[in-house]
């Protein structure tokens, strides 16, 4: 009898994930990272503020999309724990977003080993093509 092993990142149990292990459509993940850059906010048609925040851990970096109050309190050098996150593709780049019940917890600042490479926001062309083909089939 074989035991079936579920991918722990894709089930409903929150789990810490390294940035290098991120892929499209992961849900309910947690990440420990340092904030490298907080972009100026843009306004949506509905009046919400959206910021792109560059984050990194020891394995790579990625863009985090934050809305409203979350973006206003983040600063470069903040060390944060992100809970209840999900990954998605926006404009052919992989991003992290905080889910409705997710949270950002500031744990300190300026003292974390990180690497900006690889940039996990940049998807390989073959993956972009595969995603586009799947979207046209819908």
Protein backbone atom coordinates (compact mmCIF):
# COMPACT_ATOMS: atom_id res chain seq x y z
CA UNK A 1 0.00 0.00 0.00
CA UNK A 2 1.46 3.35 -1.05
CA UNK A 3 0.99 6.42 1.05
CA UNK A 4 -0.02 9.50 -0.89
CA UNK A 5 1.92 12.62 0.08
CA UNK A 6 0.28 15.99 -0.43
CA UNK A 7 2.29 19.01 -1.44
CA UNK A 8 2.41 20.86 1.93
CA UNK A 9 2.40 24.25 0.21
CA UNK A 10 -0.86 23.60 -1.65
CA UNK A 11 -2.96 22.26 1.24
CA UNK A 12 -4.81 24.51 3.72
CA UNK A 13 -2.18 24.44 6.48
CA UNK A 14 -0.15 27.67 6.63
CA UNK A 15 3.52 26.96 6.06
CA UNK A 16 6.66 29.07 5.85
CA UNK A 17 8.05 29.10 2.34
CA UNK A 18 11.38 30.36 1.03
CA UNK A 19 11.11 32.86 -1.80
CA UNK A 20 13.04 30.61 -4.20
CA UNK A 21 10.30 27.97 -3.75
CA UNK A 22 7.43 30.24 -4.80
CA UNK A 23 5.41 29.38 -7.87
CA UNK A 24 2.09 30.61 -9.30
CA UNK A 25 -1.16 29.90 -7.46
CA UNK A 26 0.15 28.97 -4.01
CA UNK A 27 -2.30 29.74 -1.20
CA UNK A 28 -2.15 30.29 2.55
CA UNK A 29 1.61 30.61 2.75
CA UNK A 30 3.81 32.47 5.22
CA UNK A 31 7.10 34.22 4.44
CA UNK A 32 9.83 35.76 6.59
CA UNK A 33 11.52 38.60 4.68
CA UNK A 34 13.20 41.99 4.76
CA UNK A 35 11.69 45.00 2.96
CA UNK A 36 14.10 46.30 0.32
CA UNK A 37 11.99 48.99 -1.30
CA UNK A 38 8.54 50.52 -0.94
CA UNK A 39 7.24 52.14 -4.13
CA UNK A 40 5.04 55.21 -4.21
CA UNK A 41 1.34 54.35 -4.05
CA UNK A 42 -0.96 54.31 -7.03
CA UNK A 43 -4.72 54.86 -6.78
CA UNK A 44 -7.27 52.37 -8.10
CA UNK A 45 -10.50 53.51 -9.73
CA UNK A 46 -12.21 52.72 -6.40
CA UNK A 47 -9.87 55.02 -4.47
CA UNK A 48 -7.68 52.33 -2.89
CA UNK A 49 -3.92 52.82 -2.51
CA UNK A 50 -1.73 50.05 -3.93
CA UNK A 51 2.02 49.79 -3.41
CA UNK A 52 4.61 47.41 -4.77
CA UNK A 53 7.02 46.38 -2.03
CA UNK A 54 10.25 44.57 -2.90
CA UNK A 55 11.01 41.88 -0.30
CA UNK A 56 13.83 39.33 0.02
CA UNK A 57 15.01 36.42 2.11
CA UNK A 58 18.29 34.49 1.93
CA UNK A 59 17.12 32.68 -1.23
CA UNK A 60 15.89 35.51 -3.48
CA UNK A 61 13.54 38.46 -3.88
CA UNK A 62 10.01 39.11 -5.14
CA UNK A 63 7.41 41.87 -5.36
CA UNK A 64 4.67 42.06 -2.75
CA UNK A 65 1.50 43.94 -3.69
CA UNK A 66 -0.04 45.68 -0.66
CA UNK A 67 -3.25 47.64 -0.41
CA UNK A 68 -4.28 50.59 1.73
CA UNK A 69 -2.97 50.67 5.33
CA UNK A 70 -0.47 47.83 4.94
CA UNK A 71 1.60 49.79 2.46
CA UNK A 72 1.58 52.98 4.51
CA UNK A 73 3.34 51.41 7.50
CA UNK A 74 6.08 49.41 5.73
CA UNK A 75 9.58 50.91 5.53
CA UNK A 76 12.84 49.83 3.91
CA UNK A 77 14.75 47.59 6.32
CA UNK A 78 11.67 46.27 8.13
CA UNK A 79 11.86 42.56 8.85
CA UNK A 80 8.39 41.12 8.47
CA UNK A 81 6.47 37.88 8.76
CA UNK A 82 3.73 37.62 6.16
CA UNK A 83 0.89 35.24 7.03
CA UNK A 84 -2.03 34.15 4.88
CA UNK A 85 -0.42 35.07 1.56
CA UNK A 86 -0.97 33.81 -1.94
CA UNK A 87 0.96 34.05 -5.19
CA UNK A 88 -0.45 35.18 -8.50
CA UNK A 89 0.70 36.48 -11.85
CA UNK A 90 0.20 40.13 -12.77
CA UNK A 91 1.59 41.61 -15.99
CA UNK A 92 3.61 38.43 -16.58
CA UNK A 93 5.36 38.64 -13.20
CA UNK A 94 4.96 36.49 -10.12
CA UNK A 95 3.77 38.46 -7.08
CA UNK A 96 2.73 37.86 -3.52
CA UNK A 97 -0.47 39.31 -2.07
CA UNK A 98 -1.87 39.25 1.44
CA UNK A 99 -5.18 37.37 1.67
CA UNK A 100 -8.31 38.82 3.30
CA UNK A 101 -7.45 37.17 6.61
CA UNK A 102 -3.70 37.56 6.17
CA UNK A 103 -1.40 39.77 8.18
CA UNK A 104 1.95 41.53 8.13
CA UNK A 105 3.85 41.39 11.42
CA UNK A 106 6.90 43.59 11.84
CA UNK A 107 9.58 41.61 13.69
CA UNK A 108 12.53 44.00 13.64
CA UNK A 109 14.66 45.93 11.23
CA UNK A 110 17.98 45.92 9.34
CA UNK A 111 19.41 42.62 10.65
CA UNK A 112 18.67 39.87 8.14
CA UNK A 113 20.75 38.03 5.56
CA UNK A 114 19.12 38.28 2.15
CA UNK A 115 19.77 37.85 -1.54
CA UNK A 116 18.17 39.84 -4.34
CA UNK A 117 18.92 37.03 -6.78
CA UNK A 118 17.22 35.11 -8.13
CA UNK A 119 14.41 37.56 -8.80
CA UNK A 120 11.40 35.27 -8.47
CA UNK A 121 9.08 37.93 -9.91
CA UNK A 122 10.57 37.29 -13.35
CA UNK A 123 8.95 34.22 -14.86
CA UNK A 124 10.67 32.08 -17.50
CA UNK A 125 9.26 32.68 -21.03
CA UNK A 126 8.10 29.07 -21.33
CA UNK A 127 6.02 29.40 -18.15
CA UNK A 128 4.47 32.68 -19.37
CA UNK A 129 3.55 30.96 -22.65
CA UNK A 130 2.02 28.01 -20.78
CA UNK A 131 -0.04 30.33 -18.55
CA UNK A 132 -1.25 32.35 -21.54
CA UNK A 133 -2.30 29.15 -23.33
CA UNK A 134 -4.25 28.02 -20.25
CA UNK A 135 -5.99 31.39 -20.03
CA UNK A 136 -7.07 31.31 -23.68
CA UNK A 137 -8.60 27.84 -23.13
CA UNK A 138 -10.91 29.21 -20.41
